[in-house]
């Protein structure tokens, strides 16, 4: 049997996609929990955003719920699209007014989350997600569109 990096990477795709989705969702949910409940450093140095305040409270709610759903792999595509949109809104309404480029206006996390969630929305939840298990039982990576790479 021939070993090739392409084969190894192809075989690792389902696990890599799961880790990417879970870590991204978890980090996003932490932002929401921080702003809503004052944990993990809290919003703006330890506080919380006022209840129902626009847009801060709503953004934090999207971060907490959207990030949690993405991490679990439940309603993944919808949660990822909403989360991506909220970060695009944050970038253009908060950051871009300060400077054109993300490096100058502090908007790098918003841009990265925006495009990361867009990628997750396009890729879907992957083989190891709650919605995948609920939809058809525990599936094999081949069911999730993993293309096998010939070894010879």
C-alpha atoms as a PDB file:
ATOM      1  CA  UNK A   1       0.000   0.000   0.000  1.00  0.00           C
ATOM      2  CA  UNK A   2       1.355   3.388  -0.991  1.00  0.00           C
ATOM      3  CA  UNK A   3       1.234   6.186   1.531  1.00  0.00           C
ATOM      4  CA  UNK A   4       0.724   9.671   0.209  1.00  0.00           C
ATOM      5  CA  UNK A   5       0.187  12.974   1.986  1.00  0.00           C
ATOM      6  CA  UNK A   6      -2.902  13.569  -0.158  1.00  0.00           C
ATOM      7  CA  UNK A   7      -4.431  10.303   1.033  1.00  0.00           C
ATOM      8  CA  UNK A   8      -3.646  11.060   4.689  1.00  0.00           C
ATOM      9  CA  UNK A   9      -5.054  14.577   4.430  1.00  0.00           C
ATOM     10  CA  UNK A  10      -8.160  13.312   2.653  1.00  0.00           C
ATOM     11  CA  UNK A  11      -8.719  10.737   5.373  1.00  0.00           C
ATOM     12  CA  UNK A  12      -8.315  13.421   8.073  1.00  0.00           C
ATOM     13  CA  UNK A  13     -10.849  15.786   6.491  1.00  0.00           C
ATOM     14  CA  UNK A  14     -13.942  14.740   8.498  1.00  0.00           C
ATOM     15  CA  UNK A  15     -12.119  15.122  11.808  1.00  0.00           C
ATOM     16  CA  UNK A  16     -10.390  18.355  10.751  1.00  0.00           C
ATOM     17  CA  UNK A  17     -13.717  19.830   9.605  1.00  0.00           C
ATOM     18  CA  UNK A  18     -15.311  18.886  12.919  1.00  0.00           C
ATOM     19  CA  UNK A  19     -12.504  20.401  14.999  1.00  0.00           C
ATOM     20  CA  UNK A  20     -12.596  23.578  12.872  1.00  0.00           C
ATOM     21  CA  UNK A  21     -16.387  23.901  13.303  1.00  0.00           C
ATOM     22  CA  UNK A  22     -16.356  23.164  17.051  1.00  0.00           C
ATOM     23  CA  UNK A  23     -13.473  25.522  17.871  1.00  0.00           C
ATOM     24  CA  UNK A  24     -14.924  28.343  15.771  1.00  0.00           C
ATOM     25  CA  UNK A  25     -18.383  27.947  17.292  1.00  0.00           C
ATOM     26  CA  UNK A  26     -16.994  27.728  20.814  1.00  0.00           C
ATOM     27  CA  UNK A  27     -14.887  30.875  20.447  1.00  0.00           C
ATOM     28  CA  UNK A  28     -17.843  32.778  18.981  1.00  0.00           C
ATOM     29  CA  UNK A  29     -20.137  31.591  21.783  1.00  0.00           C
ATOM     30  CA  UNK A  30     -17.542  32.763  24.326  1.00  0.00           C
ATOM     31  CA  UNK A  31     -17.806  36.293  22.892  1.00  0.00           C
ATOM     32  CA  UNK A  32     -21.569  36.197  23.361  1.00  0.00           C
ATOM     33  CA  UNK A  33     -21.382  34.787  26.892  1.00  0.00           C
ATOM     34  CA  UNK A  34     -18.819  37.434  27.784  1.00  0.00           C
ATOM     35  CA  UNK A  35     -21.067  40.268  26.644  1.00  0.00           C
ATOM     36  CA  UNK A  36     -24.339  38.878  27.971  1.00  0.00           C
ATOM     37  CA  UNK A  37     -23.220  37.531  31.356  1.00  0.00           C
ATOM     38  CA  UNK A  38     -19.978  39.365  32.142  1.00  0.00           C
ATOM     39  CA  UNK A  39     -17.998  36.121  32.257  1.00  0.00           C
ATOM     40  CA  UNK A  40     -14.617  35.537  30.612  1.00  0.00           C
ATOM     41  CA  UNK A  41     -13.654  39.174  31.018  1.00  0.00           C
ATOM     42  CA  UNK A  42     -17.067  40.621  30.218  1.00  0.00           C
ATOM     43  CA  UNK A  43     -18.030  43.229  27.681  1.00  0.00           C
ATOM     44  CA  UNK A  44     -15.831  46.300  27.620  1.00  0.00           C
ATOM     45  CA  UNK A  45     -13.667  45.345  30.572  1.00  0.00           C
ATOM     46  CA  UNK A  46     -15.950  43.297  32.785  1.00  0.00           C
ATOM     47  CA  UNK A  47     -19.503  44.552  32.312  1.00  0.00           C
ATOM     48  CA  UNK A  48     -22.446  43.329  30.315  1.00  0.00           C
ATOM     49  CA  UNK A  49     -24.404  44.906  27.493  1.00  0.00           C
ATOM     50  CA  UNK A  50     -27.782  46.334  28.545  1.00  0.00           C
ATOM     51  CA  UNK A  51     -30.751  44.035  27.956  1.00  0.00           C
ATOM     52  CA  UNK A  52     -32.198  44.356  24.425  1.00  0.00           C
ATOM     53  CA  UNK A  53     -29.862  47.249  23.534  1.00  0.00           C
ATOM     54  CA  UNK A  54     -29.379  47.617  19.767  1.00  0.00           C
ATOM     55  CA  UNK A  55     -27.098  46.327  18.355  1.00  0.00           C
ATOM     56  CA  UNK A  56     -24.862  45.113  21.208  1.00  0.00           C
ATOM     57  CA  UNK A  57     -27.248  42.810  23.040  1.00  0.00           C
ATOM     58  CA  UNK A  58     -28.599  41.326  19.826  1.00  0.00           C
ATOM     59  CA  UNK A  59     -25.094  40.745  18.474  1.00  0.00           C
ATOM     60  CA  UNK A  60     -24.130  39.009  21.710  1.00  0.00           C
ATOM     61  CA  UNK A  61     -27.263  36.833  21.543  1.00  0.00           C
ATOM     62  CA  UNK A  62     -26.397  35.845  17.960  1.00  0.00           C
ATOM     63  CA  UNK A  63     -22.836  35.080  19.060  1.00  0.00           C
ATOM     64  CA  UNK A  64     -23.938  32.884  21.956  1.00  0.00           C
ATOM     65  CA  UNK A  65     -26.739  31.018  20.189  1.00  0.00           C
ATOM     66  CA  UNK A  66     -25.134  30.896  16.733  1.00  0.00           C
ATOM     67  CA  UNK A  67     -21.772  29.833  18.095  1.00  0.00           C
ATOM     68  CA  UNK A  68     -23.335  27.133  20.254  1.00  0.00           C
ATOM     69  CA  UNK A  69     -25.381  25.757  17.358  1.00  0.00           C
ATOM     70  CA  UNK A  70     -22.367  25.727  15.045  1.00  0.00           C
ATOM     71  CA  UNK A  71     -20.204  24.035  17.684  1.00  0.00           C
ATOM     72  CA  UNK A  72     -22.836  21.346  18.194  1.00  0.00           C
ATOM     73  CA  UNK A  73     -23.475  20.962  14.494  1.00  0.00           C
ATOM     74  CA  UNK A  74     -27.183  21.700  14.809  1.00  0.00           C
ATOM     75  CA  UNK A  75     -28.905  23.934  12.220  1.00  0.00           C
ATOM     76  CA  UNK A  76     -25.300  24.567  11.194  1.00  0.00           C
ATOM     77  CA  UNK A  77     -25.758  26.225   7.817  1.00  0.00           C
ATOM     78  CA  UNK A  78     -28.466  28.610   9.028  1.00  0.00           C
ATOM     79  CA  UNK A  79     -26.587  29.501  12.212  1.00  0.00           C
ATOM     80  CA  UNK A  80     -23.381  30.034  10.229  1.00  0.00           C
ATOM     81  CA  UNK A  81     -25.068  32.323   7.681  1.00  0.00           C
ATOM     82  CA  UNK A  82     -26.664  34.434  10.436  1.00  0.00           C
ATOM     83  CA  UNK A  83     -23.365  34.560  12.333  1.00  0.00           C
ATOM     84  CA  UNK A  84     -21.470  35.534   9.183  1.00  0.00           C
ATOM     85  CA  UNK A  85     -23.971  38.294   8.458  1.00  0.00           C
ATOM     86  CA  UNK A  86     -23.738  39.651  11.976  1.00  0.00           C
ATOM     87  CA  UNK A  87     -19.973  39.926  11.647  1.00  0.00           C
ATOM     88  CA  UNK A  88     -20.271  41.652   8.260  1.00  0.00           C
ATOM     89  CA  UNK A  89     -22.686  44.115   9.874  1.00  0.00           C
ATOM     90  CA  UNK A  90     -20.293  44.631  12.795  1.00  0.00           C
ATOM     91  CA  UNK A  91     -17.402  45.312  10.449  1.00  0.00           C
ATOM     92  CA  UNK A  92     -19.197  47.845   8.280  1.00  0.00           C
ATOM     93  CA  UNK A  93     -21.162  49.573  11.053  1.00  0.00           C
ATOM     94  CA  UNK A  94     -18.510  49.678  13.788  1.00  0.00           C
ATOM     95  CA  UNK A  95     -15.016  49.099  12.451  1.00  0.00           C
ATOM     96  CA  UNK A  96     -14.870  50.557   8.962  1.00  0.00           C
ATOM     97  CA  UNK A  97     -15.827  54.032  10.187  1.00  0.00           C
ATOM     98  CA  UNK A  98     -12.458  54.141  11.996  1.00  0.00           C
ATOM     99  CA  UNK A  99     -10.270  53.234   9.001  1.00  0.00           C
ATOM    100  CA  UNK A 100     -10.501  51.438   5.668  1.00  0.00           C
ATOM    101  CA  UNK A 101      -8.462  48.323   6.390  1.00  0.00           C
ATOM    102  CA  UNK A 102      -9.127  45.764   9.156  1.00  0.00           C
ATOM    103  CA  UNK A 103      -5.531  45.996  10.385  1.00  0.00           C
ATOM    104  CA  UNK A 104      -6.079  49.719  11.038  1.00  0.00           C
ATOM    105  CA  UNK A 105      -9.614  49.626  12.447  1.00  0.00           C
ATOM    106  CA  UNK A 106      -9.535  46.617  14.795  1.00  0.00           C
ATOM    107  CA  UNK A 107     -11.923  44.691  12.580  1.00  0.00           C
ATOM    108  CA  UNK A 108      -9.761  41.641  11.914  1.00  0.00           C
ATOM    109  CA  UNK A 109     -11.742  39.325  14.238  1.00  0.00           C
ATOM    110  CA  UNK A 110     -15.020  40.421  12.627  1.00  0.00           C
ATOM    111  CA  UNK A 111     -13.673  39.787   9.117  1.00  0.00           C
ATOM    112  CA  UNK A 112     -12.166  36.435  10.065  1.00  0.00           C
ATOM    113  CA  UNK A 113     -15.350  35.257  11.793  1.00  0.00           C
ATOM    114  CA  UNK A 114     -17.432  36.506   8.841  1.00  0.00           C
ATOM    115  CA  UNK A 115     -15.511  34.482   6.277  1.00  0.00           C
ATOM    116  CA  UNK A 116     -15.014  31.503   8.590  1.00  0.00           C
ATOM    117  CA  UNK A 117     -18.755  31.189   9.115  1.00  0.00           C
ATOM    118  CA  UNK A 118     -19.347  31.632   5.391  1.00  0.00           C
ATOM    119  CA  UNK A 119     -16.995  28.687   4.785  1.00  0.00           C
ATOM    120  CA  UNK A 120     -18.797  26.594   7.419  1.00  0.00           C
ATOM    121  CA  UNK A 121     -22.138  27.440   5.796  1.00  0.00           C
ATOM    122  CA  UNK A 122     -20.796  26.244   2.431  1.00  0.00           C
ATOM    123  CA  UNK A 123     -19.181  23.067   3.787  1.00  0.00           C
ATOM    124  CA  UNK A 124     -22.062  22.105   6.055  1.00  0.00           C
ATOM    125  CA  UNK A 125     -21.818  20.435   9.441  1.00  0.00           C
ATOM    126  CA  UNK A 126     -19.624  17.509   8.410  1.00  0.00           C
ATOM    127  CA  UNK A 127     -19.688  13.880   9.390  1.00  0.00           C
ATOM    128  CA  UNK A 128     -19.507  14.399  13.150  1.00  0.00           C
ATOM    129  CA  UNK A 129     -22.361  16.751  13.992  1.00  0.00           C
ATOM    130  CA  UNK A 130     -25.613  16.442  15.896  1.00  0.00           C
ATOM    131  CA  UNK A 131     -27.719  17.152  12.803  1.00  0.00           C
ATOM    132  CA  UNK A 132     -25.845  14.525  10.796  1.00  0.00           C
ATOM    133  CA  UNK A 133     -26.513  11.913  13.471  1.00  0.00           C
ATOM    134  CA  UNK A 134     -30.172  12.932  13.734  1.00  0.00           C
ATOM    135  CA  UNK A 135     -30.633  12.969   9.962  1.00  0.00           C
ATOM    136  CA  UNK A 136     -29.295   9.517   9.146  1.00  0.00           C
ATOM    137  CA  UNK A 137     -27.619   7.959  12.125  1.00  0.00           C
ATOM    138  CA  UNK A 138     -23.874   7.905  12.492  1.00  0.00           C
ATOM    139  CA  UNK A 139     -22.598   8.294   8.943  1.00  0.00           C
ATOM    140  CA  UNK A 140     -19.306   7.446   7.399  1.00  0.00           C
ATOM    141  CA  UNK A 141     -17.078  10.234   6.079  1.00  0.00           C
ATOM    142  CA  UNK A 142     -17.822   8.988   2.553  1.00  0.00           C
ATOM    143  CA  UNK A 143     -21.442  10.049   3.067  1.00  0.00           C
ATOM    144  CA  UNK A 144     -20.268  13.633   3.590  1.00  0.00           C
ATOM    145  CA  UNK A 145     -18.668  14.062   0.184  1.00  0.00           C
ATOM    146  CA  UNK A 146     -15.117  13.148   1.106  1.00  0.00           C
ATOM    147  CA  UNK A 147     -13.373  12.299  -2.105  1.00  0.00           C
ATOM    148  CA  UNK A 148     -10.985   9.391  -1.841  1.00  0.00           C
ATOM    149  CA  UNK A 149      -7.601   9.905  -3.404  1.00  0.00           C
ATOM    150  CA  UNK A 150      -6.176   7.003  -5.404  1.00  0.00           C
ATOM    151  CA  UNK A 151      -3.019   5.571  -3.849  1.00  0.00           C
ATOM    152  CA  UNK A 152      -1.329   4.493  -7.045  1.00  0.00           C
END
